PDB file of N, CA and C in Angstrom:
ATOM      1  N   MET A   1     -58.793   4.219  -8.540  1.00  0.00           N
ATOM      2  CA  MET A   1     -57.804   4.411  -7.493  1.00  0.00           C
ATOM      3  C   MET A   1     -57.425   5.892  -7.447  1.00  0.00           C
ATOM      4  N   LYS A   2     -57.380   6.427  -6.268  1.00  0.00           N
ATOM      5  CA  LYS A   2     -57.015   7.831  -6.088  1.00  0.00           C
ATOM      6  C   LYS A   2     -55.514   8.006  -6.329  1.00  0.00           C
ATOM      7  N   MET A   3     -55.165   8.975  -7.169  1.00  0.00           N
ATOM      8  CA  MET A   3     -53.750   9.210  -7.463  1.00  0.00           C
ATOM      9  C   MET A   3     -53.101  10.013  -6.345  1.00  0.00           C
ATOM     10  N   MET A   4     -51.940   9.553  -5.936  1.00  0.00           N
ATOM     11  CA  MET A   4     -51.197  10.226  -4.877  1.00  0.00           C
ATOM     12  C   MET A   4     -50.311  11.294  -5.507  1.00  0.00           C
ATOM     13  N   HIS A   5     -50.460  12.515  -5.064  1.00  0.00           N
ATOM     14  CA  HIS A   5     -49.688  13.615  -5.632  1.00  0.00           C
ATOM     15  C   HIS A   5     -48.349  13.813  -4.931  1.00  0.00           C
ATOM     16  N   ARG A   6     -48.304  13.537  -3.650  1.00  0.00           N
ATOM     17  CA  ARG A   6     -47.076  13.702  -2.879  1.00  0.00           C
ATOM     18  C   ARG A   6     -46.281  12.398  -2.933  1.00  0.00           C
ATOM     19  N   GLU A   7     -44.987  12.523  -3.070  1.00  0.00           N
ATOM     20  CA  GLU A   7     -44.130  11.340  -3.090  1.00  0.00           C
ATOM     21  C   GLU A   7     -44.200  10.625  -1.742  1.00  0.00           C
ATOM     22  N   PRO A   8     -44.560   9.337  -1.747  1.00  0.00           N
ATOM     23  CA  PRO A   8     -44.564   8.588  -0.488  1.00  0.00           C
ATOM     24  C   PRO A   8     -43.141   8.450   0.046  1.00  0.00           C
ATOM     25  N   THR A   9     -43.029   8.268   1.317  1.00  0.00           N
ATOM     26  CA  THR A   9     -41.714   8.108   1.933  1.00  0.00           C
ATOM     27  C   THR A   9     -41.138   6.750   1.561  1.00  0.00           C
ATOM     28  N   HIS A  10     -39.944   6.779   1.015  1.00  0.00           N
ATOM     29  CA  HIS A  10     -39.250   5.540   0.660  1.00  0.00           C
ATOM     30  C   HIS A  10     -38.796   4.847   1.948  1.00  0.00           C
ATOM     31  N   PRO A  11     -38.804   3.512   1.977  1.00  0.00           N
ATOM     32  CA  PRO A  11     -38.363   2.798   3.180  1.00  0.00           C
ATOM     33  C   PRO A  11     -36.963   3.191   3.657  1.00  0.00           C
ATOM     34  N   GLY A  12     -36.085   3.545   2.737  1.00  0.00           N
ATOM     35  CA  GLY A  12     -34.745   3.970   3.127  1.00  0.00           C
ATOM     36  C   GLY A  12     -34.760   5.244   3.955  1.00  0.00           C
ATOM     37  N   VAL A  13     -35.690   6.134   3.652  1.00  0.00           N
ATOM     38  CA  VAL A  13     -35.830   7.375   4.421  1.00  0.00           C
ATOM     39  C   VAL A  13     -36.355   7.058   5.816  1.00  0.00           C
ATOM     40  N   PHE A  14     -37.338   6.153   5.903  1.00  0.00           N
ATOM     41  CA  PHE A  14     -37.824   5.718   7.216  1.00  0.00           C
ATOM     42  C   PHE A  14     -36.670   5.176   8.059  1.00  0.00           C
ATOM     43  N   LEU A  15     -35.854   4.336   7.446  1.00  0.00           N
ATOM     44  CA  LEU A  15     -34.733   3.742   8.185  1.00  0.00           C
ATOM     45  C   LEU A  15     -33.806   4.804   8.748  1.00  0.00           C
ATOM     46  N   GLU A  16     -33.404   5.708   7.894  1.00  0.00           N
ATOM     47  CA  GLU A  16     -32.449   6.741   8.306  1.00  0.00           C
ATOM     48  C   GLU A  16     -33.038   7.635   9.393  1.00  0.00           C
ATOM     49  N   GLU A  17     -34.229   8.156   9.153  1.00  0.00           N
ATOM     50  CA  GLU A  17     -34.815   9.161  10.044  1.00  0.00           C
ATOM     51  C   GLU A  17     -35.439   8.589  11.314  1.00  0.00           C
ATOM     52  N   ASP A  18     -36.074   7.430  11.204  1.00  0.00           N
ATOM     53  CA  ASP A  18     -36.824   6.884  12.341  1.00  0.00           C
ATOM     54  C   ASP A  18     -36.088   5.810  13.132  1.00  0.00           C
ATOM     55  N   TYR A  19     -35.002   5.298  12.576  1.00  0.00           N
ATOM     56  CA  TYR A  19     -34.274   4.232  13.267  1.00  0.00           C
ATOM     57  C   TYR A  19     -32.800   4.569  13.467  1.00  0.00           C
ATOM     58  N   PHE A  20     -32.071   4.799  12.391  1.00  0.00           N
ATOM     59  CA  PHE A  20     -30.632   5.008  12.520  1.00  0.00           C
ATOM     60  C   PHE A  20     -30.295   6.242  13.346  1.00  0.00           C
ATOM     61  N   LYS A  21     -30.880   7.375  12.989  1.00  0.00           N
ATOM     62  CA  LYS A  21     -30.562   8.616  13.715  1.00  0.00           C
ATOM     63  C   LYS A  21     -30.957   8.541  15.184  1.00  0.00           C
ATOM     64  N   PRO A  22     -32.212   8.169  15.512  1.00  0.00           N
ATOM     65  CA  PRO A  22     -32.588   8.114  16.936  1.00  0.00           C
ATOM     66  C   PRO A  22     -31.765   7.109  17.745  1.00  0.00           C
ATOM     67  N   LEU A  23     -31.382   6.003  17.094  1.00  0.00           N
ATOM     68  CA  LEU A  23     -30.608   4.980  17.799  1.00  0.00           C
ATOM     69  C   LEU A  23     -29.105   5.244  17.758  1.00  0.00           C
ATOM     70  N   GLY A  24     -28.692   6.255  17.017  1.00  0.00           N
ATOM     71  CA  GLY A  24     -27.273   6.565  16.899  1.00  0.00           C
ATOM     72  C   GLY A  24     -26.498   5.503  16.141  1.00  0.00           C
ATOM     73  N   LEU A  25     -27.157   4.821  15.204  1.00  0.00           N
ATOM     74  CA  LEU A  25     -26.508   3.766  14.428  1.00  0.00           C
ATOM     75  C   LEU A  25     -25.803   4.342  13.207  1.00  0.00           C
ATOM     76  N   THR A  26     -24.580   3.929  13.004  1.00  0.00           N
ATOM     77  CA  THR A  26     -23.903   4.272  11.757  1.00  0.00           C
ATOM     78  C   THR A  26     -24.418   3.318  10.684  1.00  0.00           C
ATOM     79  N   HIS A  27     -24.169   3.655   9.449  1.00  0.00           N
ATOM     80  CA  HIS A  27     -24.583   2.774   8.360  1.00  0.00           C
ATOM     81  C   HIS A  27     -23.854   1.439   8.443  1.00  0.00           C
ATOM     82  N   GLU A  28     -22.610   1.476   8.839  1.00  0.00           N
ATOM     83  CA  GLU A  28     -21.833   0.246   8.974  1.00  0.00           C
ATOM     84  C   GLU A  28     -22.421  -0.651  10.060  1.00  0.00           C
ATOM     85  N   GLU A  29     -22.773  -0.061  11.192  1.00  0.00           N
ATOM     86  CA  GLU A  29     -23.374  -0.832  12.286  1.00  0.00           C
ATOM     87  C   GLU A  29     -24.715  -1.422  11.866  1.00  0.00           C
ATOM     88  N   ALA A  30     -25.516  -0.620  11.187  1.00  0.00           N
ATOM     89  CA  ALA A  30     -26.833  -1.087  10.751  1.00  0.00           C
ATOM     90  C   ALA A  30     -26.704  -2.224   9.741  1.00  0.00           C
ATOM     91  N   ALA A  31     -25.783  -2.091   8.803  1.00  0.00           N
ATOM     92  CA  ALA A  31     -25.580  -3.148   7.810  1.00  0.00           C
ATOM     93  C   ALA A  31     -25.176  -4.448   8.496  1.00  0.00           C
ATOM     94  N   LYS A  32     -24.309  -4.343   9.479  1.00  0.00           N
ATOM     95  CA  LYS A  32     -23.874  -5.534  10.211  1.00  0.00           C
ATOM     96  C   LYS A  32     -25.047  -6.171  10.956  1.00  0.00           C
ATOM     97  N   LEU A  33     -25.855  -5.359  11.630  1.00  0.00           N
ATOM     98  CA  LEU A  33     -27.028  -5.879  12.343  1.00  0.00           C
ATOM     99  C   LEU A  33     -27.998  -6.581  11.392  1.00  0.00           C
ATOM    100  N   LEU A  34     -28.158  -6.012  10.211  1.00  0.00           N
ATOM    101  CA  LEU A  34     -29.080  -6.572   9.230  1.00  0.00           C
ATOM    102  C   LEU A  34     -28.483  -7.745   8.460  1.00  0.00           C
ATOM    103  N   GLY A  35     -27.180  -7.912   8.567  1.00  0.00           N
ATOM    104  CA  GLY A  35     -26.521  -8.999   7.850  1.00  0.00           C
ATOM    105  C   GLY A  35     -26.459  -8.760   6.348  1.00  0.00           C
ATOM    106  N   ILE A  36     -26.291  -7.481   5.966  1.00  0.00           N
ATOM    107  CA  ILE A  36     -26.192  -7.139   4.549  1.00  0.00           C
ATOM    108  C   ILE A  36     -24.929  -6.324   4.308  1.00  0.00           C
ATOM    109  N   ASP A  37     -24.525  -6.270   3.071  1.00  0.00           N
ATOM    110  CA  ASP A  37     -23.352  -5.498   2.681  1.00  0.00           C
ATOM    111  C   ASP A  37     -23.660  -4.004   2.784  1.00  0.00           C
ATOM    112  N   ILE A  38     -22.673  -3.231   3.163  1.00  0.00           N
ATOM    113  CA  ILE A  38     -22.851  -1.785   3.309  1.00  0.00           C
ATOM    114  C   ILE A  38     -23.299  -1.149   1.995  1.00  0.00           C
ATOM    115  N   SER A  39     -22.817  -1.652   0.871  1.00  0.00           N
ATOM    116  CA  SER A  39     -23.221  -1.079  -0.421  1.00  0.00           C
ATOM    117  C   SER A  39     -24.709  -1.305  -0.682  1.00  0.00           C
ATOM    118  N   MET A  40     -25.231  -2.419  -0.218  1.00  0.00           N
ATOM    119  CA  MET A  40     -26.665  -2.694  -0.351  1.00  0.00           C
ATOM    120  C   MET A  40     -27.469  -1.710   0.493  1.00  0.00           C
ATOM    121  N   LEU A  41     -27.016  -1.473   1.705  1.00  0.00           N
ATOM    122  CA  LEU A  41     -27.701  -0.526   2.579  1.00  0.00           C
ATOM    123  C   LEU A  41     -27.639   0.883   1.998  1.00  0.00           C
ATOM    124  N   GLU A  42     -26.487   1.279   1.516  1.00  0.00           N
ATOM    125  CA  GLU A  42     -26.345   2.616   0.926  1.00  0.00           C
ATOM    126  C   GLU A  42     -27.280   2.782  -0.269  1.00  0.00           C
ATOM    127  N   ALA A  43     -27.412   1.740  -1.087  1.00  0.00           N
ATOM    128  CA  ALA A  43     -28.323   1.799  -2.237  1.00  0.00           C
ATOM    129  C   ALA A  43     -29.768   1.963  -1.776  1.00  0.00           C
ATOM    130  N   LEU A  44     -30.131   1.284  -0.700  1.00  0.00           N
ATOM    131  CA  LEU A  44     -31.482   1.425  -0.152  1.00  0.00           C
ATOM    132  C   LEU A  44     -31.712   2.849   0.340  1.00  0.00           C
ATOM    133  N   LEU A  45     -30.742   3.397   1.042  1.00  0.00           N
ATOM    134  CA  LEU A  45     -30.873   4.749   1.576  1.00  0.00           C
ATOM    135  C   LEU A  45     -30.933   5.799   0.469  1.00  0.00           C
ATOM    136  N   GLN A  46     -30.363   5.485  -0.690  1.00  0.00           N
ATOM    137  CA  GLN A  46     -30.378   6.407  -1.839  1.00  0.00           C
ATOM    138  C   GLN A  46     -31.576   6.157  -2.763  1.00  0.00           C
ATOM    139  N   LYS A  47     -32.495   5.301  -2.335  1.00  0.00           N
ATOM    140  CA  LYS A  47     -33.704   4.953  -3.103  1.00  0.00           C
ATOM    141  C   LYS A  47     -33.368   4.216  -4.392  1.00  0.00           C
ATOM    142  N   GLU A  48     -32.228   3.562  -4.426  1.00  0.00           N
ATOM    143  CA  GLU A  48     -31.805   2.819  -5.612  1.00  0.00           C
ATOM    144  C   GLU A  48     -32.084   1.328  -5.476  1.00  0.00           C
ATOM    145  N   LEU A  49     -32.491   0.902  -4.294  1.00  0.00           N
ATOM    146  CA  LEU A  49     -32.760  -0.512  -4.029  1.00  0.00           C
ATOM    147  C   LEU A  49     -34.142  -0.632  -3.420  1.00  0.00           C
ATOM    148  N   ARG A  50     -34.873  -1.631  -3.868  1.00  0.00           N
ATOM    149  CA  ARG A  50     -36.208  -1.904  -3.329  1.00  0.00           C
ATOM    150  C   ARG A  50     -36.087  -2.812  -2.106  1.00  0.00           C
ATOM    151  N   VAL A  51     -37.058  -2.695  -1.206  1.00  0.00           N
ATOM    152  CA  VAL A  51     -37.124  -3.601  -0.064  1.00  0.00           C
ATOM    153  C   VAL A  51     -37.749  -4.902  -0.546  1.00  0.00           C
ATOM    154  N   SER A  52     -36.972  -5.968  -0.510  1.00  0.00           N
ATOM    155  CA  SER A  52     -37.471  -7.294  -0.872  1.00  0.00           C
ATOM    156  C   SER A  52     -38.150  -7.916   0.345  1.00  0.00           C
ATOM    157  N   GLN A  53     -38.825  -9.030   0.116  1.00  0.00           N
ATOM    158  CA  GLN A  53     -39.448  -9.753   1.228  1.00  0.00           C
ATOM    159  C   GLN A  53     -38.382 -10.171   2.241  1.00  0.00           C
ATOM    160  N   GLU A  54     -37.254 -10.650   1.741  1.00  0.00           N
ATOM    161  CA  GLU A  54     -36.168 -11.081   2.632  1.00  0.00           C
ATOM    162  C   GLU A  54     -35.651  -9.919   3.479  1.00  0.00           C
ATOM    163  N   LEU A  55     -35.428  -8.781   2.855  1.00  0.00           N
ATOM    164  CA  LEU A  55     -34.938  -7.623   3.601  1.00  0.00           C
ATOM    165  C   LEU A  55     -35.990  -7.150   4.598  1.00  0.00           C
ATOM    166  N   ALA A  56     -37.252  -7.191   4.211  1.00  0.00           N
ATOM    167  CA  ALA A  56     -38.331  -6.801   5.126  1.00  0.00           C
ATOM    168  C   ALA A  56     -38.326  -7.684   6.375  1.00  0.00           C
ATOM    169  N   MET A  57     -38.058  -8.964   6.199  1.00  0.00           N
ATOM    170  CA  MET A  57     -37.999  -9.883   7.340  1.00  0.00           C
ATOM    171  C   MET A  57     -36.797  -9.557   8.240  1.00  0.00           C
ATOM    172  N   ARG A  58     -35.694  -9.167   7.639  1.00  0.00           N
ATOM    173  CA  ARG A  58     -34.520  -8.767   8.426  1.00  0.00           C
ATOM    174  C   ARG A  58     -34.811  -7.491   9.219  1.00  0.00           C
ATOM    175  N   LEU A  59     -35.472  -6.544   8.571  1.00  0.00           N
ATOM    176  CA  LEU A  59     -35.840  -5.293   9.245  1.00  0.00           C
ATOM    177  C   LEU A  59     -36.798  -5.565  10.399  1.00  0.00           C
ATOM    178  N   GLU A  60     -37.724  -6.480  10.193  1.00  0.00           N
ATOM    179  CA  GLU A  60     -38.660  -6.863  11.253  1.00  0.00           C
ATOM    180  C   GLU A  60     -37.901  -7.404  12.468  1.00  0.00           C
ATOM    181  N   ARG A  61     -36.969  -8.295  12.206  1.00  0.00           N
ATOM    182  CA  ARG A  61     -36.211  -8.926  13.290  1.00  0.00           C
ATOM    183  C   ARG A  61     -35.350  -7.917  14.045  1.00  0.00           C
ATOM    184  N   VAL A  62     -34.647  -7.079  13.332  1.00  0.00           N
ATOM    185  CA  VAL A  62     -33.704  -6.152  13.960  1.00  0.00           C
ATOM    186  C   VAL A  62     -34.407  -4.993  14.667  1.00  0.00           C
ATOM    187  N   PHE A  63     -35.428  -4.437  14.023  1.00  0.00           N
ATOM    188  CA  PHE A  63     -36.054  -3.229  14.567  1.00  0.00           C
ATOM    189  C   PHE A  63     -37.410  -3.473  15.226  1.00  0.00           C
ATOM    190  N   LYS A  64     -37.777  -4.748  15.368  1.00  0.00           N
ATOM    191  CA  LYS A  64     -39.032  -5.116  16.059  1.00  0.00           C
ATOM    192  C   LYS A  64     -40.235  -4.423  15.421  1.00  0.00           C
ATOM    193  N   THR A  65     -40.285  -4.472  14.106  1.00  0.00           N
ATOM    194  CA  THR A  65     -41.397  -3.906  13.346  1.00  0.00           C
ATOM    195  C   THR A  65     -42.094  -5.049  12.624  1.00  0.00           C
ATOM    196  N   GLU A  66     -43.147  -4.744  11.926  1.00  0.00           N
ATOM    197  CA  GLU A  66     -43.832  -5.736  11.101  1.00  0.00           C
ATOM    198  C   GLU A  66     -43.245  -5.701   9.694  1.00  0.00           C
ATOM    199  N   TRP A  67     -42.965  -6.870   9.143  1.00  0.00           N
ATOM    200  CA  TRP A  67     -42.408  -6.903   7.790  1.00  0.00           C
ATOM    201  C   TRP A  67     -43.354  -6.250   6.795  1.00  0.00           C
ATOM    202  N   GLU A  68     -44.670  -6.332   7.048  1.00  0.00           N
ATOM    203  CA  GLU A  68     -45.657  -5.745   6.145  1.00  0.00           C
ATOM    204  C   GLU A  68     -45.486  -4.227   6.016  1.00  0.00           C
ATOM    205  N   PHE A  69     -45.060  -3.589   7.092  1.00  0.00           N
ATOM    206  CA  PHE A  69     -44.832  -2.143   7.033  1.00  0.00           C
ATOM    207  C   PHE A  69     -43.842  -1.805   5.924  1.00  0.00           C
ATOM    208  N   TRP A  70     -42.730  -2.529   5.888  1.00  0.00           N
ATOM    209  CA  TRP A  70     -41.672  -2.250   4.925  1.00  0.00           C
ATOM    210  C   TRP A  70     -42.118  -2.574   3.502  1.00  0.00           C
ATOM    211  N   VAL A  71     -42.818  -3.700   3.338  1.00  0.00           N
ATOM    212  CA  VAL A  71     -43.303  -4.090   2.014  1.00  0.00           C
ATOM    213  C   VAL A  71     -44.347  -3.093   1.516  1.00  0.00           C
ATOM    214  N   ASN A  72     -45.255  -2.685   2.398  1.00  0.00           N
ATOM    215  CA  ASN A  72     -46.290  -1.725   2.004  1.00  0.00           C
ATOM    216  C   ASN A  72     -45.709  -0.350   1.688  1.00  0.00           C
ATOM    217  N   ALA A  73     -44.714   0.071   2.445  1.00  0.00           N
ATOM    218  CA  ALA A  73     -44.058   1.353   2.156  1.00  0.00           C
ATOM    219  C   ALA A  73     -43.382   1.292   0.785  1.00  0.00           C
ATOM    220  N   GLN A  74     -42.737   0.167   0.492  1.00  0.00           N
ATOM    221  CA  GLN A  74     -42.087   0.012  -0.807  1.00  0.00           C
ATOM    222  C   GLN A  74     -43.122   0.000  -1.924  1.00  0.00           C
ATOM    223  N   ARG A  75     -44.223  -0.714  -1.709  1.00  0.00           N
ATOM    224  CA  ARG A  75     -45.278  -0.796  -2.717  1.00  0.00           C
ATOM    225  C   ARG A  75     -45.856   0.595  -3.012  1.00  0.00           C
ATOM    226  N   ALA A  76     -46.124   1.365  -1.976  1.00  0.00           N
ATOM    227  CA  ALA A  76     -46.672   2.715  -2.167  1.00  0.00           C
ATOM    228  C   ALA A  76     -45.703   3.577  -2.974  1.00  0.00           C
ATOM    229  N   TYR A  77     -44.418   3.471  -2.663  1.00  0.00           N
ATOM    230  CA  TYR A  77     -43.410   4.245  -3.388  1.00  0.00           C
ATOM    231  C   TYR A  77     -43.341   3.794  -4.846  1.00  0.00           C
ATOM    232  N   ASP A  78     -43.371   2.478  -5.072  1.00  0.00           N
ATOM    233  CA  ASP A  78     -43.302   1.945  -6.434  1.00  0.00           C
ATOM    234  C   ASP A  78     -44.493   2.387  -7.278  1.00  0.00           C
ATOM    235  N   VAL A  79     -45.694   2.337  -6.701  1.00  0.00           N
ATOM    236  CA  VAL A  79     -46.898   2.751  -7.426  1.00  0.00           C
ATOM    237  C   VAL A  79     -46.807   4.233  -7.783  1.00  0.00           C
ATOM    238  N   TRP A  80     -46.373   5.044  -6.840  1.00  0.00           N
ATOM    239  CA  TRP A  80     -46.230   6.475  -7.106  1.00  0.00           C
ATOM    240  C   TRP A  80     -45.241   6.713  -8.245  1.00  0.00           C
ATOM    241  N   ARG A  81     -44.086   6.034  -8.180  1.00  0.00           N
ATOM    242  CA  ARG A  81     -43.056   6.200  -9.220  1.00  0.00           C
ATOM    243  C   ARG A  81     -43.598   5.799 -10.591  1.00  0.00           C
ATOM    244  N   GLN A  82     -44.311   4.668 -10.631  1.00  0.00           N
ATOM    245  CA  GLN A  82     -44.861   4.217 -11.906  1.00  0.00           C
ATOM    246  C   GLN A  82     -45.883   5.215 -12.440  1.00  0.00           C
ATOM    247  N   ASN A  83     -46.696   5.770 -11.559  1.00  0.00           N
ATOM    248  CA  ASN A  83     -47.654   6.801 -11.981  1.00  0.00           C
ATOM    249  C   ASN A  83     -46.936   8.023 -12.532  1.00  0.00           C
ATOM    250  N   GLN A  84     -45.812   8.384 -11.934  1.00  0.00           N
ATOM    251  CA  GLN A  84     -45.030   9.521 -12.432  1.00  0.00           C
ATOM    252  C   GLN A  84     -44.494   9.228 -13.826  1.00  0.00           C
ATOM    253  N   ILE A  85     -44.009   8.027 -14.024  1.00  0.00           N
ATOM    254  CA  ILE A  85     -43.489   7.627 -15.339  1.00  0.00           C
ATOM    255  C   ILE A  85     -44.610   7.641 -16.366  1.00  0.00           C
ATOM    256  N   ASN A  86     -45.757   7.048 -16.001  1.00  0.00           N
ATOM    257  CA  ASN A  86     -46.892   6.996 -16.925  1.00  0.00           C
ATOM    258  C   ASN A  86     -47.393   8.390 -17.271  1.00  0.00           C
ATOM    259  N   THR A  87     -47.459   9.272 -16.294  1.00  0.00           N
ATOM    260  CA  THR A  87     -47.930  10.641 -16.515  1.00  0.00           C
ATOM    261  C   THR A  87     -46.984  11.399 -17.438  1.00  0.00           C
ATOM    262  N   ASN A  88     -45.690  11.185 -17.251  1.00  0.00           N
ATOM    263  CA  ASN A  88     -44.690  11.908 -18.047  1.00  0.00           C
ATOM    264  C   ASN A  88     -44.519  11.360 -19.455  1.00  0.00           C
ATOM    265  N   THR A  89     -45.045  10.151 -19.727  1.00  0.00           N
ATOM    266  CA  THR A  89     -44.867   9.563 -21.058  1.00  0.00           C
ATOM    267  C   THR A  89     -46.156   9.536 -21.869  1.00  0.00           C
ATOM    268  N   LYS A  90     -47.242  10.102 -21.333  1.00  0.00           N
ATOM    269  CA  LYS A  90     -48.502  10.124 -22.084  1.00  0.00           C
ATOM    270  C   LYS A  90     -48.366  11.042 -23.291  1.00  0.00           C
ATOM    271  N   VAL A  91     -48.963  10.603 -24.386  1.00  0.00           N
ATOM    272  CA  VAL A  91     -48.903  11.373 -25.636  1.00  0.00           C
ATOM    273  C   VAL A  91     -50.213  12.085 -25.854  1.00  0.00           C
TER     274      VAL A  91
END
């Protein structure tokens, strides 16, 4: 597998830059649309929360996207992070 050197875009960054800002959505409005607590959304935007299958389905419904996009973006970010951890802990 080819190692990715650049950090993949976290799904929270996609949300903020490609959806919330262009649509003029506040975090509170977005959380309400998604049916999640604002603290959960804030954690996602801070890269502290992973996109679960359930959240991916909510994102699909609200933003008319494919749930696979969100899951794949999360997977790419997770693999990159794990590679960073593995690289930094090699003896």
